[in-house]
Amino acid sequence: MSENNPFSEITAALRDHQSFALLSHVRPDGDAIGSQLALGFALEAMGKKVVYLNEDGLPDNLVFLPGSERIEKPDGSPVDVEVAVALDTATKPRLGERVLEAMAGAKLWINIDHHISNPGYGDLNYIDGGSPATGEIVYDLIVDQELPLPDETRDAIYVAVSTDTGSFQYSSTTARTYEMAADLVRRGLDVGGINSQTYDNYPYRRLELMRALLNTLERSADGKVAHWLLTMETRRALEVLPEDSEGLIDTIRAIRGVTVALFFEELEDGRVRVSMRSKDRRIDVCQVATKFGGGGHAMAAGIRMKGPIGEARGAVLEEVGRRIEAVENESSEDRS
């Protein structure tokens, strides 16, 4: 990973250029879209021209965010901007082919992210693997450099960080994260209203999806690994959207005794999407993901790998089992 550029250098680039494209990864989540909107509306308050692009467009569960209607799907044709800003995207290809085609004429790339596996593919990079969310990095940049923080930015930052920390529950949440949230409340954030829109407004099909997933739930013999799977047959039958499964893995992650939770999902192109969560810092699921071409964080990582789903599941579960066994052997040696 390349060395980070200081906030002052990134801010100089933001001030010196007039047109920007704010980008985030395919199948965007709250941190991806929230980070785009947060930085984008700060730039607009500086008088800049901003476009917001995502390969898959705006997820249905985030339409409540002020300004979210500005998120566009690219058609592949070039977009005339000086600067491309990739947010919450661990590798450049994760932006999607049409986004990359649209950005072919960008003179400068800025890469802001919190995935430790990010190689630093921008001309300017700020990668903080210790930050709980890219939205918090955007907040730090705005506050540190005294950039505008309009209401749209305020709300987007909160949703970005809240969704990526499991509503401030994950171990990645720090005192700094709570201080940030308190500052947003002082700036007028409607905590109850925005939490209700974020967590209490799911479509009924999400519950149907949960029921279908529970019917596929399996645990390892020792109870330390739990996984379930979503087939294309089930997806089509329930007319599931990608965002409908967001956060559902936490249901099996929360099982007492489970150390690693996995969600295997068949994709339209025949590949398999794997989401992984660890509750033990000694079991680094990012290392597991990297072995199969994925990445992420030590406690939360993902893969897109070749199918069929049965073979993918077997290979990943075998690797997870090896990691758990290695940790247990080390613990036994330490006790002896």
Protein backbone atom coordinates (compact mmCIF):
# COMPACT_ATOMS: atom_id res chain seq x y z
CA MET A 1 0.00 0.00 0.00
CA SER A 2 1.34 3.43 -0.90
CA GLU A 3 1.99 6.12 1.71
CA ASN A 4 -0.94 8.39 2.52
CA ASN A 5 -1.04 11.93 1.25
CA PRO A 6 -1.80 14.46 4.00
CA PHE A 7 -5.27 15.97 4.21
CA SER A 8 -3.78 19.34 3.25
CA GLU A 9 -2.54 17.96 -0.07
CA ILE A 10 -5.90 16.35 -0.85
CA THR A 11 -7.69 19.58 0.07
CA ALA A 12 -5.38 21.56 -2.21
CA ALA A 13 -6.44 19.31 -5.09
CA LEU A 14 -10.11 19.80 -4.16
CA ARG A 15 -9.68 23.58 -4.12
CA ASP A 16 -7.57 23.74 -7.29
CA HIS A 17 -10.01 21.82 -9.53
CA GLN A 18 -13.56 22.67 -10.52
CA SER A 19 -15.24 19.45 -11.64
CA PHE A 20 -15.46 16.10 -9.82
CA ALA A 21 -16.97 12.65 -10.16
CA LEU A 22 -17.68 10.94 -6.83
CA LEU A 23 -17.55 7.14 -7.19
CA SER A 24 -18.15 4.06 -5.03
CA HIS A 25 -18.04 0.27 -5.36
CA VAL A 26 -20.52 -2.05 -7.06
CA ARG A 27 -23.41 -3.22 -4.84
CA PRO A 28 -23.02 -0.09 -2.74
CA ASP A 29 -23.83 -0.03 0.96
CA GLY A 30 -24.48 2.82 3.36
CA ASP A 31 -20.82 3.72 3.76
CA ALA A 32 -20.27 3.82 -0.01
CA ILE A 33 -23.27 6.00 -0.87
CA GLY A 34 -23.02 8.04 2.33
CA SER A 35 -19.36 8.88 1.67
CA GLN A 36 -20.14 9.94 -1.89
CA LEU A 37 -22.95 12.25 -0.84
CA ALA A 38 -21.03 13.61 2.16
CA LEU A 39 -17.98 14.71 0.21
CA GLY A 40 -19.97 15.66 -2.86
CA PHE A 41 -22.25 18.13 -1.09
CA ALA A 42 -19.26 19.62 0.72
CA LEU A 43 -17.68 20.21 -2.69
CA GLU A 44 -20.88 21.71 -4.05
CA ALA A 45 -20.93 24.11 -1.09
CA MET A 46 -17.45 25.17 -2.27
CA GLY A 47 -18.92 26.02 -5.67
CA LYS A 48 -17.66 22.92 -7.47
CA LYS A 49 -19.37 20.92 -10.21
CA VAL A 50 -20.09 17.39 -8.97
CA VAL A 51 -21.52 14.22 -10.51
CA TYR A 52 -22.26 11.08 -8.49
CA LEU A 53 -21.79 7.71 -10.21
CA ASN A 54 -22.31 4.12 -9.15
CA GLU A 55 -22.26 1.08 -11.43
CA ASP A 56 -25.41 -0.37 -9.84
CA GLY A 57 -27.11 2.87 -8.95
CA LEU A 58 -28.81 3.85 -5.69
CA PRO A 59 -30.03 1.00 -3.46
CA ASP A 60 -33.71 1.16 -2.55
CA ASN A 61 -32.92 1.19 1.18
CA LEU A 62 -31.00 4.49 0.90
CA VAL A 63 -33.46 6.60 -1.08
CA PHE A 64 -34.36 8.51 2.12
CA LEU A 65 -30.93 10.17 2.23
CA PRO A 66 -31.14 13.85 1.24
CA GLY A 67 -29.57 14.29 -2.18
CA SER A 68 -29.52 10.57 -2.96
CA GLU A 69 -31.49 11.14 -6.16
CA ARG A 70 -28.27 12.57 -7.58
CA ILE A 71 -26.67 9.09 -7.74
CA GLU A 72 -26.56 8.03 -11.39
CA LYS A 73 -25.78 4.84 -13.27
CA PRO A 74 -23.12 5.46 -15.93
CA ASP A 75 -23.83 4.44 -19.50
CA GLY A 76 -20.14 4.04 -20.34
CA SER A 77 -19.82 7.28 -22.26
CA PRO A 78 -17.06 9.65 -21.07
CA VAL A 79 -17.95 12.10 -18.32
CA ASP A 80 -16.18 15.44 -18.60
CA VAL A 81 -14.63 16.00 -15.17
CA GLU A 82 -11.13 16.83 -14.02
CA VAL A 83 -11.02 14.66 -10.90
CA ALA A 84 -12.32 11.18 -10.07
CA VAL A 85 -12.74 10.49 -6.34
CA ALA A 86 -13.11 6.81 -5.41
CA LEU A 87 -14.65 6.27 -1.98
CA ASP A 88 -14.88 3.08 0.10
CA THR A 89 -13.56 0.99 -2.81
CA ALA A 90 -10.71 -1.41 -2.06
CA THR A 91 -9.61 -1.98 -5.66
CA LYS A 92 -10.18 0.05 -8.81
CA PRO A 93 -12.02 -2.73 -10.73
CA ARG A 94 -14.61 -2.78 -7.92
CA LEU A 95 -15.89 0.52 -9.30
CA GLY A 96 -17.28 -1.37 -12.30
CA GLU A 97 -16.50 -1.39 -16.00
CA ARG A 98 -18.91 1.37 -17.03
CA VAL A 99 -17.70 3.69 -14.28
CA LEU A 100 -14.10 3.16 -15.35
CA GLU A 101 -15.03 3.79 -18.99
CA ALA A 102 -16.82 6.99 -17.95
CA MET A 103 -13.71 8.14 -16.05
CA ALA A 104 -11.26 7.55 -18.89
CA GLY A 105 -10.63 11.30 -19.26
CA ALA A 106 -10.12 12.15 -15.58
CA LYS A 107 -6.79 13.93 -15.05
CA LEU A 108 -6.47 13.10 -11.35
CA TRP A 109 -7.59 10.18 -9.18
CA ILE A 110 -8.17 10.55 -5.43
CA ASN A 111 -8.65 7.35 -3.43
CA ILE A 112 -10.19 7.56 0.08
CA ASP A 113 -10.91 4.28 1.84
CA HIS A 114 -10.72 2.26 5.06
CA HIS A 115 -10.05 -1.23 3.64
CA ILE A 116 -6.63 -2.44 4.75
CA SER A 117 -6.29 -4.41 1.49
CA ASN A 118 -6.48 -1.21 -0.62
CA PRO A 119 -3.20 -0.96 -2.63
CA GLY A 120 -3.41 2.84 -3.04
CA TYR A 121 -4.41 3.09 -6.71
CA GLY A 122 -4.99 6.85 -6.76
CA ASP A 123 -2.69 9.71 -7.65
CA LEU A 124 -3.55 10.90 -4.14
CA ASN A 125 -4.45 8.32 -1.48
CA TYR A 126 -5.75 8.31 2.05
CA ILE A 127 -6.24 4.76 3.32
CA ASP A 128 -6.91 4.21 7.03
CA GLY A 129 -7.51 0.56 7.82
CA GLY A 130 -8.09 1.47 11.46
CA SER A 131 -11.06 3.70 10.68
CA PRO A 132 -14.47 2.05 11.19
CA ALA A 133 -15.89 3.62 8.03
CA THR A 134 -14.87 5.71 5.05
CA GLY A 135 -17.54 8.16 6.17
CA GLU A 136 -15.52 8.89 9.30
CA ILE A 137 -12.43 9.64 7.18
CA VAL A 138 -14.53 12.05 5.10
CA TYR A 139 -15.74 13.71 8.32
CA ASP A 140 -12.16 14.02 9.60
CA LEU A 141 -11.05 15.54 6.28
CA ILE A 142 -13.89 18.08 6.28
CA VAL A 143 -13.45 19.11 9.92
CA ASP A 144 -9.65 19.12 9.88
CA GLN A 145 -9.52 21.24 6.74
CA GLU A 146 -12.48 23.44 7.68
CA LEU A 147 -14.47 22.53 4.58
CA PRO A 148 -18.24 23.16 4.41
CA LEU A 149 -20.48 20.67 6.22
CA PRO A 150 -24.03 21.20 4.91
CA ASP A 151 -27.03 19.24 6.20
CA GLU A 152 -26.82 16.67 3.37
CA THR A 153 -23.22 15.97 4.32
CA ARG A 154 -24.10 15.69 8.02
CA ASP A 155 -26.84 13.11 7.45
CA ALA A 156 -24.80 11.13 4.91
CA ILE A 157 -21.80 10.87 7.25
CA TYR A 158 -23.97 9.55 10.06
CA VAL A 159 -25.59 6.87 7.90
CA ALA A 160 -22.21 5.90 6.42
CA VAL A 161 -20.63 5.33 9.82
CA SER A 162 -23.70 3.91 11.55
CA THR A 163 -24.26 1.22 8.91
CA ASP A 164 -20.60 0.20 8.72
CA THR A 165 -20.28 -0.14 12.51
CA GLY A 166 -23.45 -2.16 13.02
CA SER A 167 -25.12 0.91 14.53
CA PHE A 168 -21.99 1.67 16.58
CA GLN A 169 -21.75 -1.90 17.93
CA TYR A 170 -18.65 -3.34 16.24
CA SER A 171 -15.25 -3.34 17.91
CA SER A 172 -13.98 -0.92 15.26
CA THR A 173 -16.09 1.81 16.91
CA THR A 174 -13.86 4.18 18.87
CA ALA A 175 -14.26 7.15 21.20
CA ARG A 176 -13.55 9.28 18.14
CA THR A 177 -16.55 7.70 16.39
CA TYR A 178 -18.89 8.64 19.24
CA GLU A 179 -17.39 12.15 19.39
CA MET A 180 -18.10 12.50 15.67
CA ALA A 181 -21.70 11.38 16.17
CA ALA A 182 -22.13 13.86 19.03
CA ASP A 183 -20.85 16.67 16.82
CA LEU A 184 -23.32 15.72 14.09
CA VAL A 185 -26.16 15.83 16.62
CA ARG A 186 -25.02 19.29 17.72
CA ARG A 187 -25.15 20.29 14.04
CA GLY A 188 -28.86 19.36 13.93
CA LEU A 189 -28.92 15.64 13.10
CA ASP A 190 -32.34 14.05 13.78
CA VAL A 191 -31.05 10.83 15.35
CA GLY A 192 -34.42 9.17 15.91
CA GLY A 193 -35.72 10.03 12.46
CA ILE A 194 -32.66 8.93 10.52
CA ASN A 195 -32.25 5.72 12.55
CA SER A 196 -35.88 4.86 11.88
CA GLN A 197 -35.37 5.34 8.14
CA THR A 198 -32.16 3.30 8.22
CA TYR A 199 -33.21 0.36 10.40
CA ASP A 200 -37.01 0.28 10.70
CA ASN A 201 -38.14 0.60 7.10
CA TYR A 202 -37.42 -2.73 5.36
CA PRO A 203 -39.63 -4.23 2.64
CA TYR A 204 -41.54 -7.43 3.47
CA ARG A 205 -39.47 -9.43 0.98
CA ARG A 206 -36.46 -8.97 3.27
CA LEU A 207 -38.28 -11.00 5.93
CA GLU A 208 -39.13 -13.64 3.34
CA LEU A 209 -35.46 -13.71 2.40
CA MET A 210 -34.50 -14.21 6.06
CA ARG A 211 -36.89 -17.16 6.29
CA ALA A 212 -35.38 -18.73 3.16
CA LEU A 213 -31.82 -18.21 4.43
CA LEU A 214 -32.60 -19.76 7.81
CA ASN A 215 -33.72 -22.91 6.01
CA THR A 216 -30.19 -23.24 4.59
CA LEU A 217 -28.35 -22.49 7.86
CA GLU A 218 -25.59 -24.92 8.85
CA ARG A 219 -23.06 -25.01 11.68
CA SER A 220 -19.77 -26.82 11.98
CA ALA A 221 -19.59 -29.76 14.37
CA ASP A 222 -17.92 -27.63 17.04
CA GLY A 223 -20.40 -24.77 16.55
CA LYS A 224 -17.68 -22.23 15.71
CA VAL A 225 -18.63 -21.67 12.07
CA ALA A 226 -22.13 -20.82 10.81
CA HIS A 227 -23.09 -20.26 7.20
CA TRP A 228 -26.06 -19.99 4.93
CA LEU A 229 -26.54 -19.53 1.20
CA LEU A 230 -28.71 -17.74 -1.32
CA THR A 231 -29.27 -19.39 -4.69
CA MET A 232 -30.37 -17.68 -7.89
CA GLU A 233 -33.55 -19.77 -7.73
CA THR A 234 -34.48 -18.24 -4.36
CA ARG A 235 -33.44 -14.77 -5.45
CA ARG A 236 -35.71 -14.90 -8.49
CA ALA A 237 -38.62 -16.48 -6.63
CA LEU A 238 -38.60 -13.74 -4.00
CA GLU A 239 -37.61 -10.95 -6.43
CA VAL A 240 -34.79 -10.06 -4.06
CA LEU A 241 -32.74 -6.89 -4.62
CA PRO A 242 -29.04 -6.82 -3.67
CA GLU A 243 -29.64 -4.43 -0.78
CA ASP A 244 -32.22 -6.75 0.81
CA SER A 245 -29.48 -8.95 2.28
CA GLU A 246 -27.51 -6.04 3.75
CA GLY A 247 -26.65 -6.77 7.38
CA LEU A 248 -28.44 -10.12 7.57
CA ILE A 249 -25.18 -11.97 8.21
CA ASP A 250 -25.13 -10.36 11.66
CA THR A 251 -28.03 -12.65 12.61
CA ILE A 252 -25.83 -15.74 12.46
CA ARG A 253 -22.75 -13.87 13.62
CA ALA A 254 -24.63 -13.25 16.87
CA ILE A 255 -25.09 -16.96 17.65
CA ARG A 256 -23.38 -17.88 20.92
CA GLY A 257 -20.25 -19.91 20.24
CA VAL A 258 -19.96 -18.87 16.60
CA THR A 259 -16.54 -17.43 15.76
CA VAL A 260 -16.91 -17.00 11.99
CA ALA A 261 -20.11 -16.39 10.02
CA LEU A 262 -20.31 -16.72 6.24
CA PHE A 263 -22.92 -15.82 3.62
CA PHE A 264 -22.61 -17.53 0.20
CA GLU A 265 -24.60 -16.00 -2.63
CA GLU A 266 -24.97 -16.99 -6.29
CA LEU A 267 -24.62 -14.09 -8.74
CA GLU A 268 -26.11 -13.62 -12.21
CA ASP A 269 -22.72 -14.06 -13.89
CA GLY A 270 -22.17 -17.50 -12.34
CA ARG A 271 -19.74 -16.29 -9.71
CA VAL A 272 -20.26 -16.56 -5.98
CA ARG A 273 -20.21 -13.68 -3.52
CA VAL A 274 -18.90 -14.57 -0.08
CA SER A 275 -19.34 -12.32 2.96
CA MET A 276 -17.42 -13.20 6.12
CA ARG A 277 -17.52 -11.92 9.68
CA SER A 278 -15.17 -12.86 12.52
CA LYS A 279 -15.69 -12.38 16.26
CA ASP A 280 -12.10 -13.29 17.14
CA ARG A 281 -9.28 -10.93 16.11
CA ARG A 282 -6.92 -13.91 15.85
CA ILE A 283 -8.99 -15.24 12.95
CA ASP A 284 -8.36 -12.68 10.22
CA VAL A 285 -11.02 -13.18 7.53
CA CYS A 286 -9.27 -10.64 5.29
CA GLN A 287 -6.42 -13.15 4.98
CA VAL A 288 -8.96 -15.80 3.98
CA ALA A 289 -10.52 -13.45 1.44
CA THR A 290 -7.14 -12.48 -0.03
CA LYS A 291 -6.36 -16.13 -0.74
CA PHE A 292 -9.41 -16.23 -3.04
CA GLY A 293 -8.88 -12.81 -4.63
CA GLY A 294 -11.01 -10.80 -2.20
CA GLY A 295 -10.21 -8.38 0.58
CA GLY A 296 -11.58 -6.17 3.32
CA HIS A 297 -10.90 -6.01 7.04
CA ALA A 298 -9.65 -8.44 9.68
CA MET A 299 -13.15 -8.83 11.13
CA ALA A 300 -15.22 -8.36 7.97
CA ALA A 301 -14.20 -9.30 4.43
CA GLY A 302 -15.61 -10.47 1.12
CA ILE A 303 -14.85 -12.44 -2.02
CA ARG A 304 -16.23 -12.75 -5.53
CA MET A 305 -15.07 -16.10 -6.82
CA LYS A 306 -15.71 -18.72 -9.45
CA GLY A 307 -18.70 -21.03 -8.92
CA PRO A 308 -20.49 -23.32 -8.63
CA ILE A 309 -21.63 -22.38 -5.16
CA GLY A 310 -21.05 -25.85 -3.70
CA GLU A 311 -17.38 -25.87 -4.70
CA ALA A 312 -16.85 -22.28 -3.56
CA ARG A 313 -18.45 -22.99 -0.21
CA GLY A 314 -16.35 -26.11 0.33
CA ALA A 315 -13.07 -24.35 -0.48
CA VAL A 316 -13.73 -21.31 1.72
CA LEU A 317 -15.04 -23.34 4.66
CA GLU A 318 -11.96 -25.56 4.48
CA GLU A 319 -9.68 -22.53 4.65
CA VAL A 320 -11.65 -21.02 7.54
CA GLY A 321 -11.41 -24.36 9.37
CA ARG A 322 -7.65 -24.38 8.91
CA ARG A 323 -7.36 -20.88 10.36
CA ILE A 324 -9.44 -21.77 13.40
CA GLU A 325 -7.45 -24.95 13.97
CA ALA A 326 -4.17 -23.03 13.76
CA VAL A 327 -5.37 -20.53 16.37
CA GLU A 328 -6.51 -23.34 18.67
CA ASN A 329 -3.16 -25.11 18.33
CA GLU A 330 -1.31 -21.90 19.18
CA SER A 331 -3.50 -21.43 22.26
CA SER A 332 -2.82 -25.00 23.38
CA GLU A 333 0.93 -24.48 23.03
CA ASP A 334 0.74 -21.27 25.02
CA ARG A 335 -1.08 -23.04 27.86
CA SER A 336 1.38 -25.98 27.97
